[in-house]
């Protein structure tokens, strides 16, 4: 019986350590879930992805796309005014 009592504190220490480790893992998991579902964090991540993609664009291609958009907008405005 004395041997069983001597082994018990080690088992309790192991259990307490396992509980603490599990609690810490659960806290990290909950924090990760909260971060993923947060609208503010999702908007921040989306804006960051857009900035990264914009930084990777070729400046000449971006200028050509902007010019095409401006010409298209001017054509739509001109066409609408002409119809009136």
PDB file of N, CA and C in Angstrom:
ATOM      1  N   UNK A   1       0.809  -1.184   0.000  1.00  0.00           N
ATOM      2  CA  UNK A   1       0.000   0.000   0.000  1.00  0.00           C
ATOM      3  C   UNK A   1       0.858   1.257   0.000  1.00  0.00           C
ATOM      4  N   UNK A   2       1.979   1.203   0.675  1.00  0.00           N
ATOM      5  CA  UNK A   2       2.861   2.365   0.736  1.00  0.00           C
ATOM      6  C   UNK A   2       3.403   2.701  -0.645  1.00  0.00           C
ATOM      7  N   UNK A   3       3.631   1.661  -1.451  1.00  0.00           N
ATOM      8  CA  UNK A   3       4.118   1.899  -2.811  1.00  0.00           C
ATOM      9  C   UNK A   3       3.060   2.591  -3.664  1.00  0.00           C
ATOM     10  N   UNK A   4       1.799   2.230  -3.468  1.00  0.00           N
ATOM     11  CA  UNK A   4       0.720   2.846  -4.241  1.00  0.00           C
ATOM     12  C   UNK A   4       0.583   4.319  -3.887  1.00  0.00           C
ATOM     13  N   UNK A   5       0.745   4.659  -2.613  1.00  0.00           N
ATOM     14  CA  UNK A   5       0.669   6.063  -2.196  1.00  0.00           C
ATOM     15  C   UNK A   5       1.857   6.857  -2.741  1.00  0.00           C
ATOM     16  N   UNK A   6       2.997   6.242  -2.825  1.00  0.00           N
ATOM     17  CA  UNK A   6       4.179   6.932  -3.341  1.00  0.00           C
ATOM     18  C   UNK A   6       4.032   7.187  -4.834  1.00  0.00           C
ATOM     19  N   UNK A   7       3.354   6.295  -5.564  1.00  0.00           N
ATOM     20  CA  UNK A   7       3.173   6.453  -7.007  1.00  0.00           C
ATOM     21  C   UNK A   7       2.068   7.451  -7.332  1.00  0.00           C
ATOM     22  N   UNK A   8       1.151   7.630  -6.431  1.00  0.00           N
ATOM     23  CA  UNK A   8       0.010   8.486  -6.690  1.00  0.00           C
ATOM     24  C   UNK A   8       0.397   9.950  -6.951  1.00  0.00           C
ATOM     25  N   UNK A   9       1.273  10.594  -6.180  1.00  0.00           N
ATOM     26  CA  UNK A   9       1.602  11.993  -6.472  1.00  0.00           C
ATOM     27  C   UNK A   9       2.205  12.187  -7.862  1.00  0.00           C
ATOM     28  N   UNK A  10       3.007  11.241  -8.310  1.00  0.00           N
ATOM     29  CA  UNK A  10       3.575  11.352  -9.657  1.00  0.00           C
ATOM     30  C   UNK A  10       2.455  11.300 -10.699  1.00  0.00           C
ATOM     31  N   UNK A  11       1.493  10.424 -10.488  1.00  0.00           N
ATOM     32  CA  UNK A  11       0.366  10.321 -11.416  1.00  0.00           C
ATOM     33  C   UNK A  11      -0.457  11.604 -11.387  1.00  0.00           C
ATOM     34  N   UNK A  12      -0.653  12.150 -10.201  1.00  0.00           N
ATOM     35  CA  UNK A  12      -1.408  13.395 -10.091  1.00  0.00           C
ATOM     36  C   UNK A  12      -0.667  14.536 -10.778  1.00  0.00           C
ATOM     37  N   UNK A  13       0.633  14.564 -10.613  1.00  0.00           N
ATOM     38  CA  UNK A  13       1.421  15.608 -11.280  1.00  0.00           C
ATOM     39  C   UNK A  13       1.325  15.455 -12.795  1.00  0.00           C
ATOM     40  N   UNK A  14       1.341  14.221 -13.267  1.00  0.00           N
ATOM     41  CA  UNK A  14       1.216  13.961 -14.703  1.00  0.00           C
ATOM     42  C   UNK A  14      -0.156  14.393 -15.198  1.00  0.00           C
ATOM     43  N   UNK A  15      -1.188  14.066 -14.409  1.00  0.00           N
ATOM     44  CA  UNK A  15      -2.543  14.472 -14.789  1.00  0.00           C
ATOM     45  C   UNK A  15      -2.686  15.986 -14.816  1.00  0.00           C
ATOM     46  N   UNK A  16      -2.147  16.648 -13.808  1.00  0.00           N
ATOM     47  CA  UNK A  16      -2.226  18.112 -13.754  1.00  0.00           C
ATOM     48  C   UNK A  16      -1.487  18.721 -14.946  1.00  0.00           C
ATOM     49  N   UNK A  17      -0.328  18.170 -15.281  1.00  0.00           N
ATOM     50  CA  UNK A  17       0.436  18.663 -16.432  1.00  0.00           C
ATOM     51  C   UNK A  17      -0.343  18.439 -17.724  1.00  0.00           C
ATOM     52  N   UNK A  18      -0.986  17.271 -17.848  1.00  0.00           N
ATOM     53  CA  UNK A  18      -1.796  16.997 -19.039  1.00  0.00           C
ATOM     54  C   UNK A  18      -2.986  17.948 -19.132  1.00  0.00           C
ATOM     55  N   UNK A  19      -3.621  18.194 -17.998  1.00  0.00           N
ATOM     56  CA  UNK A  19      -4.765  19.118 -17.974  1.00  0.00           C
ATOM     57  C   UNK A  19      -4.306  20.521 -18.365  1.00  0.00           C
ATOM     58  N   UNK A  20      -3.191  20.976 -17.821  1.00  0.00           N
ATOM     59  CA  UNK A  20      -2.675  22.307 -18.160  1.00  0.00           C
ATOM     60  C   UNK A  20      -2.328  22.402 -19.647  1.00  0.00           C
ATOM     61  N   UNK A  21      -1.704  21.362 -20.189  1.00  0.00           N
ATOM     62  CA  UNK A  21      -1.336  21.354 -21.602  1.00  0.00           C
ATOM     63  C   UNK A  21      -2.596  21.370 -22.479  1.00  0.00           C
ATOM     64  N   UNK A  22      -3.590  20.564 -22.092  1.00  0.00           N
ATOM     65  CA  UNK A  22      -4.844  20.527 -22.843  1.00  0.00           C
ATOM     66  C   UNK A  22      -5.555  21.873 -22.770  1.00  0.00           C
ATOM     67  N   UNK A  23      -5.541  22.493 -21.607  1.00  0.00           N
ATOM     68  CA  UNK A  23      -6.169  23.800 -21.442  1.00  0.00           C
ATOM     69  C   UNK A  23      -5.497  24.845 -22.324  1.00  0.00           C
ATOM     70  N   UNK A  24      -4.169  24.817 -22.387  1.00  0.00           N
ATOM     71  CA  UNK A  24      -3.433  25.761 -23.225  1.00  0.00           C
ATOM     72  C   UNK A  24      -3.731  25.528 -24.708  1.00  0.00           C
ATOM     73  N   UNK A  25      -3.788  24.267 -25.131  1.00  0.00           N
ATOM     74  CA  UNK A  25      -4.115  23.952 -26.524  1.00  0.00           C
ATOM     75  C   UNK A  25      -5.526  24.407 -26.869  1.00  0.00           C
ATOM     76  N   UNK A  26      -6.457  24.195 -25.950  1.00  0.00           N
ATOM     77  CA  UNK A  26      -7.835  24.627 -26.166  1.00  0.00           C
ATOM     78  C   UNK A  26      -7.919  26.144 -26.276  1.00  0.00           C
ATOM     79  N   UNK A  27      -7.187  26.845 -25.437  1.00  0.00           N
ATOM     80  CA  UNK A  27      -7.175  28.312 -25.502  1.00  0.00           C
ATOM     81  C   UNK A  27      -6.629  28.792 -26.847  1.00  0.00           C
ATOM     82  N   UNK A  28      -5.557  28.158 -27.347  1.00  0.00           N
ATOM     83  CA  UNK A  28      -5.003  28.533 -28.658  1.00  0.00           C
ATOM     84  C   UNK A  28      -6.011  28.254 -29.770  1.00  0.00           C
ATOM     85  N   UNK A  29      -6.703  27.122 -29.666  1.00  0.00           N
ATOM     86  CA  UNK A  29      -7.697  26.766 -30.678  1.00  0.00           C
ATOM     87  C   UNK A  29      -8.845  27.772 -30.687  1.00  0.00           C
ATOM     88  N   UNK A  30      -9.320  28.132 -29.524  1.00  0.00           N
ATOM     89  CA  UNK A  30     -10.415  29.103 -29.433  1.00  0.00           C
ATOM     90  C   UNK A  30      -9.967  30.451 -29.967  1.00  0.00           C
ATOM     91  N   UNK A  31      -8.751  30.882 -29.644  1.00  0.00           N
ATOM     92  CA  UNK A  31      -8.233  32.146 -30.169  1.00  0.00           C
ATOM     93  C   UNK A  31      -8.135  32.110 -31.694  1.00  0.00           C
ATOM     94  N   UNK A  32      -7.705  30.980 -32.247  1.00  0.00           N
ATOM     95  CA  UNK A  32      -7.599  30.858 -33.706  1.00  0.00           C
ATOM     96  C   UNK A  32      -8.977  30.915 -34.358  1.00  0.00           C
ATOM     97  N   UNK A  33      -9.957  30.264 -33.756  1.00  0.00           N
ATOM     98  CA  UNK A  33     -11.317  30.299 -34.290  1.00  0.00           C
ATOM     99  C   UNK A  33     -11.877  31.718 -34.213  1.00  0.00           C
ATOM    100  N   UNK A  34     -11.680  32.378 -33.092  1.00  0.00           N
ATOM    101  CA  UNK A  34     -12.164  33.753 -32.937  1.00  0.00           C
ATOM    102  C   UNK A  34     -11.520  34.673 -33.960  1.00  0.00           C
ATOM    103  N   UNK A  35     -10.238  34.463 -34.249  1.00  0.00           N
ATOM    104  CA  UNK A  35      -9.549  35.279 -35.246  1.00  0.00           C
ATOM    105  C   UNK A  35     -10.123  35.042 -36.639  1.00  0.00           C
ATOM    106  N   UNK A  36     -10.450  33.794 -36.954  1.00  0.00           N
ATOM    107  CA  UNK A  36     -10.966  33.474 -38.290  1.00  0.00           C
ATOM    108  C   UNK A  36     -12.364  34.012 -38.524  1.00  0.00           C
ATOM    109  N   UNK A  37     -13.195  34.090 -37.497  1.00  0.00           N
ATOM    110  CA  UNK A  37     -14.579  34.526 -37.686  1.00  0.00           C
ATOM    111  C   UNK A  37     -14.772  36.012 -37.416  1.00  0.00           C
ATOM    112  N   UNK A  38     -13.743  36.697 -37.017  1.00  0.00           N
ATOM    113  CA  UNK A  38     -13.859  38.121 -36.726  1.00  0.00           C
ATOM    114  C   UNK A  38     -13.999  38.923 -38.025  1.00  0.00           C
ATOM    115  N   UNK A  39     -15.093  39.667 -38.200  1.00  0.00           N
ATOM    116  CA  UNK A  39     -15.260  40.464 -39.425  1.00  0.00           C
ATOM    117  C   UNK A  39     -14.132  41.483 -39.617  1.00  0.00           C
ATOM    118  N   UNK A  40     -13.695  42.093 -38.547  1.00  0.00           N
ATOM    119  CA  UNK A  40     -12.624  43.095 -38.642  1.00  0.00           C
ATOM    120  C   UNK A  40     -11.334  42.446 -39.158  1.00  0.00           C
ATOM    121  N   UNK A  41     -10.997  41.285 -38.610  1.00  0.00           N
ATOM    122  CA  UNK A  41      -9.783  40.600 -39.050  1.00  0.00           C
ATOM    123  C   UNK A  41      -9.916  40.086 -40.483  1.00  0.00           C
ATOM    124  N   UNK A  42     -11.107  39.619 -40.866  1.00  0.00           N
ATOM    125  CA  UNK A  42     -11.319  39.178 -42.244  1.00  0.00           C
ATOM    126  C   UNK A  42     -11.168  40.341 -43.211  1.00  0.00           C
ATOM    127  N   UNK A  43     -11.714  41.501 -42.869  1.00  0.00           N
ATOM    128  CA  UNK A  43     -11.575  42.676 -43.734  1.00  0.00           C
ATOM    129  C   UNK A  43     -10.115  43.105 -43.826  1.00  0.00           C
ATOM    130  N   UNK A  44      -9.407  43.049 -42.713  1.00  0.00           N
ATOM    131  CA  UNK A  44      -7.985  43.421 -42.715  1.00  0.00           C
ATOM    132  C   UNK A  44      -7.178  42.476 -43.592  1.00  0.00           C
ATOM    133  N   UNK A  45      -7.463  41.176 -43.482  1.00  0.00           N
ATOM    134  CA  UNK A  45      -6.741  40.198 -44.314  1.00  0.00           C
ATOM    135  C   UNK A  45      -7.064  40.377 -45.794  1.00  0.00           C
ATOM    136  N   UNK A  46      -8.333  40.671 -46.117  1.00  0.00           N
ATOM    137  CA  UNK A  46      -8.714  40.880 -47.523  1.00  0.00           C
ATOM    138  C   UNK A  46      -8.005  42.106 -48.082  1.00  0.00           C
ATOM    139  N   UNK A  47      -7.971  43.182 -47.305  1.00  0.00           N
ATOM    140  CA  UNK A  47      -7.280  44.401 -47.762  1.00  0.00           C
ATOM    141  C   UNK A  47      -5.786  44.131 -47.949  1.00  0.00           C
ATOM    142  N   UNK A  48      -5.214  43.351 -47.080  1.00  0.00           N
ATOM    143  CA  UNK A  48      -3.791  43.017 -47.196  1.00  0.00           C
ATOM    144  C   UNK A  48      -3.527  42.191 -48.461  1.00  0.00           C
ATOM    145  N   UNK A  49      -4.415  41.240 -48.775  1.00  0.00           N
ATOM    146  CA  UNK A  49      -4.250  40.445 -50.002  1.00  0.00           C
ATOM    147  C   UNK A  49      -4.350  41.335 -51.238  1.00  0.00           C
ATOM    148  N   UNK A  50      -5.286  42.286 -51.227  1.00  0.00           N
ATOM    149  CA  UNK A  50      -5.438  43.196 -52.364  1.00  0.00           C
ATOM    150  C   UNK A  50      -4.188  44.048 -52.530  1.00  0.00           C
ATOM    151  N   UNK A  51      -3.657  44.553 -51.413  1.00  0.00           N
ATOM    152  CA  UNK A  51      -2.429  45.356 -51.488  1.00  0.00           C
ATOM    153  C   UNK A  51      -1.266  44.535 -52.045  1.00  0.00           C
ATOM    154  N   UNK A  52      -1.158  43.292 -51.620  1.00  0.00           N
ATOM    155  CA  UNK A  52      -0.082  42.437 -52.121  1.00  0.00           C
ATOM    156  C   UNK A  52      -0.231  42.181 -53.615  1.00  0.00           C
ATOM    157  N   UNK A  53      -1.447  41.927 -54.061  1.00  0.00           N
ATOM    158  CA  UNK A  53      -1.666  41.690 -55.496  1.00  0.00           C
ATOM    159  C   UNK A  53      -1.406  42.949 -56.300  1.00  0.00           C
ATOM    160  N   UNK A  54      -1.810  44.099 -55.768  1.00  0.00           N
ATOM    161  CA  UNK A  54      -1.575  45.355 -56.484  1.00  0.00           C
ATOM    162  C   UNK A  54      -0.085  45.645 -56.587  1.00  0.00           C
ATOM    163  N   UNK A  55       0.664  45.270 -55.574  1.00  0.00           N
ATOM    164  CA  UNK A  55       2.114  45.503 -55.597  1.00  0.00           C
ATOM    165  C   UNK A  55       2.793  44.595 -56.615  1.00  0.00           C
ATOM    166  N   UNK A  56       2.189  43.479 -56.948  1.00  0.00           N
ATOM    167  CA  UNK A  56       2.783  42.543 -57.894  1.00  0.00           C
ATOM    168  C   UNK A  56       2.452  42.875 -59.348  1.00  0.00           C
ATOM    169  N   UNK A  57       1.519  43.800 -59.587  1.00  0.00           N
ATOM    170  CA  UNK A  57       1.134  44.148 -60.951  1.00  0.00           C
ATOM    171  C   UNK A  57       2.260  44.868 -61.667  1.00  0.00           C
ATOM    172  N   UNK A  58       2.335  44.618 -62.948  1.00  0.00           N
ATOM    173  CA  UNK A  58       3.286  45.325 -63.799  1.00  0.00           C
ATOM    174  C   UNK A  58       2.774  46.759 -63.973  1.00  0.00           C
ATOM    175  N   UNK A  59       3.590  47.774 -63.726  1.00  0.00           N
ATOM    176  CA  UNK A  59       3.119  49.162 -63.825  1.00  0.00           C
ATOM    177  C   UNK A  59       2.571  49.517 -65.209  1.00  0.00           C
ATOM    178  N   UNK A  60       3.168  48.994 -66.268  1.00  0.00           N
ATOM    179  CA  UNK A  60       2.683  49.305 -67.624  1.00  0.00           C
ATOM    180  C   UNK A  60       1.312  48.671 -67.843  1.00  0.00           C
ATOM    181  N   UNK A  61       1.141  47.442 -67.391  1.00  0.00           N
ATOM    182  CA  UNK A  61      -0.143  46.767 -67.514  1.00  0.00           C
ATOM    183  C   UNK A  61      -1.209  47.491 -66.693  1.00  0.00           C
ATOM    184  N   UNK A  62      -0.855  47.930 -65.510  1.00  0.00           N
ATOM    185  CA  UNK A  62      -1.801  48.658 -64.660  1.00  0.00           C
ATOM    186  C   UNK A  62      -2.202  49.974 -65.309  1.00  0.00           C
ATOM    187  N   UNK A  63      -1.242  50.681 -65.913  1.00  0.00           N
ATOM    188  CA  UNK A  63      -1.549  51.947 -66.586  1.00  0.00           C
ATOM    189  C   UNK A  63      -2.448  51.697 -67.787  1.00  0.00           C
ATOM    190  N   UNK A  64      -2.204  50.635 -68.534  1.00  0.00           N
ATOM    191  CA  UNK A  64      -3.041  50.312 -69.685  1.00  0.00           C
ATOM    192  C   UNK A  64      -4.461  49.973 -69.246  1.00  0.00           C
ATOM    193  N   UNK A  65      -4.601  49.237 -68.161  1.00  0.00           N
ATOM    194  CA  UNK A  65      -5.929  48.898 -67.649  1.00  0.00           C
ATOM    195  C   UNK A  65      -6.664  50.141 -67.172  1.00  0.00           C
ATOM    196  N   UNK A  66      -5.957  51.036 -66.509  1.00  0.00           N
ATOM    197  CA  UNK A  66      -6.578  52.282 -66.042  1.00  0.00           C
ATOM    198  C   UNK A  66      -6.999  53.139 -67.230  1.00  0.00           C
ATOM    199  N   UNK A  67      -6.169  53.208 -68.262  1.00  0.00           N
ATOM    200  CA  UNK A  67      -6.514  53.985 -69.456  1.00  0.00           C
ATOM    201  C   UNK A  67      -7.724  53.385 -70.154  1.00  0.00           C
ATOM    202  N   UNK A  68      -7.782  52.064 -70.258  1.00  0.00           N
ATOM    203  CA  UNK A  68      -8.927  51.401 -70.886  1.00  0.00           C
ATOM    204  C   UNK A  68     -10.202  51.662 -70.089  1.00  0.00           C
ATOM    205  N   UNK A  69     -10.096  51.636 -68.770  1.00  0.00           N
ATOM    206  CA  UNK A  69     -11.268  51.918 -67.931  1.00  0.00           C
ATOM    207  C   UNK A  69     -11.718  53.366 -68.108  1.00  0.00           C
ATOM    208  N   UNK A  70     -10.778  54.295 -68.212  1.00  0.00           N
ATOM    209  CA  UNK A  70     -11.129  55.711 -68.398  1.00  0.00           C
ATOM    210  C   UNK A  70     -11.788  55.925 -69.755  1.00  0.00           C
ATOM    211  N   UNK A  71     -11.257  55.290 -70.788  1.00  0.00           N
ATOM    212  CA  UNK A  71     -11.855  55.424 -72.125  1.00  0.00           C
ATOM    213  C   UNK A  71     -13.251  54.816 -72.133  1.00  0.00           C
ATOM    214  N   UNK A  72     -13.418  53.676 -71.505  1.00  0.00           N
ATOM    215  CA  UNK A  72     -14.731  53.049 -71.439  1.00  0.00           C
ATOM    216  C   UNK A  72     -15.730  53.901 -70.686  1.00  0.00           C
ATOM    217  N   UNK A  73     -15.314  54.481 -69.587  1.00  0.00           N
ATOM    218  CA  UNK A  73     -16.194  55.361 -68.815  1.00  0.00           C
ATOM    219  C   UNK A  73     -16.564  56.596 -69.620  1.00  0.00           C
ATOM    220  N   UNK A  74     -15.595  57.187 -70.300  1.00  0.00           N
ATOM    221  CA  UNK A  74     -15.876  58.361 -71.136  1.00  0.00           C
ATOM    222  C   UNK A  74     -16.846  58.000 -72.251  1.00  0.00           C
ATOM    223  N   UNK A  75     -16.703  56.819 -72.835  1.00  0.00           N
ATOM    224  CA  UNK A  75     -17.612  56.397 -73.906  1.00  0.00           C
ATOM    225  C   UNK A  75     -19.030  56.215 -73.376  1.00  0.00           C
ATOM    226  N   UNK A  76     -19.174  55.650 -72.211  1.00  0.00           N
ATOM    227  CA  UNK A  76     -20.508  55.465 -71.622  1.00  0.00           C
ATOM    228  C   UNK A  76     -21.137  56.819 -71.321  1.00  0.00           C
ATOM    229  N   UNK A  77     -20.381  57.728 -70.754  1.00  0.00           N
ATOM    230  CA  UNK A  77     -20.906  59.071 -70.454  1.00  0.00           C
ATOM    231  C   UNK A  77     -21.318  59.766 -71.737  1.00  0.00           C
ATOM    232  N   UNK A  78     -20.466  59.710 -72.757  1.00  0.00           N
ATOM    233  CA  UNK A  78     -20.779  60.354 -74.031  1.00  0.00           C
ATOM    234  C   UNK A  78     -22.032  59.745 -74.645  1.00  0.00           C
ATOM    235  N   UNK A  79     -22.158  58.411 -74.611  1.00  0.00           N
ATOM    236  CA  UNK A  79     -23.316  57.727 -75.189  1.00  0.00           C
ATOM    237  C   UNK A  79     -24.595  58.099 -74.443  1.00  0.00           C
ATOM    238  N   UNK A  80     -24.556  58.191 -73.124  1.00  0.00           N
ATOM    239  CA  UNK A  80     -25.743  58.557 -72.352  1.00  0.00           C
ATOM    240  C   UNK A  80     -26.172  59.996 -72.612  1.00  0.00           C
ATOM    241  N   UNK A  81     -25.210  60.897 -72.715  1.00  0.00           N
ATOM    242  CA  UNK A  81     -25.548  62.299 -72.991  1.00  0.00           C
ATOM    243  C   UNK A  81     -26.117  62.445 -74.399  1.00  0.00           C
ATOM    244  N   UNK A  82     -25.632  61.685 -75.320  1.00  0.00           N
ATOM    245  CA  UNK A  82     -26.089  61.771 -76.700  1.00  0.00           C
ATOM    246  C   UNK A  82     -27.516  61.274 -76.828  1.00  0.00           C
ATOM    247  N   UNK A  83     -27.921  60.297 -76.016  1.00  0.00           N
ATOM    248  CA  UNK A  83     -29.264  59.747 -76.067  1.00  0.00           C
ATOM    249  C   UNK A  83     -30.304  60.731 -75.562  1.00  0.00           C
ATOM    250  N   UNK A  84     -29.911  61.676 -74.762  1.00  0.00           N
ATOM    251  CA  UNK A  84     -30.872  62.635 -74.176  1.00  0.00           C
ATOM    252  C   UNK A  84     -31.263  63.649 -75.150  1.00  0.00           C
TER     253      UNK A  84
END
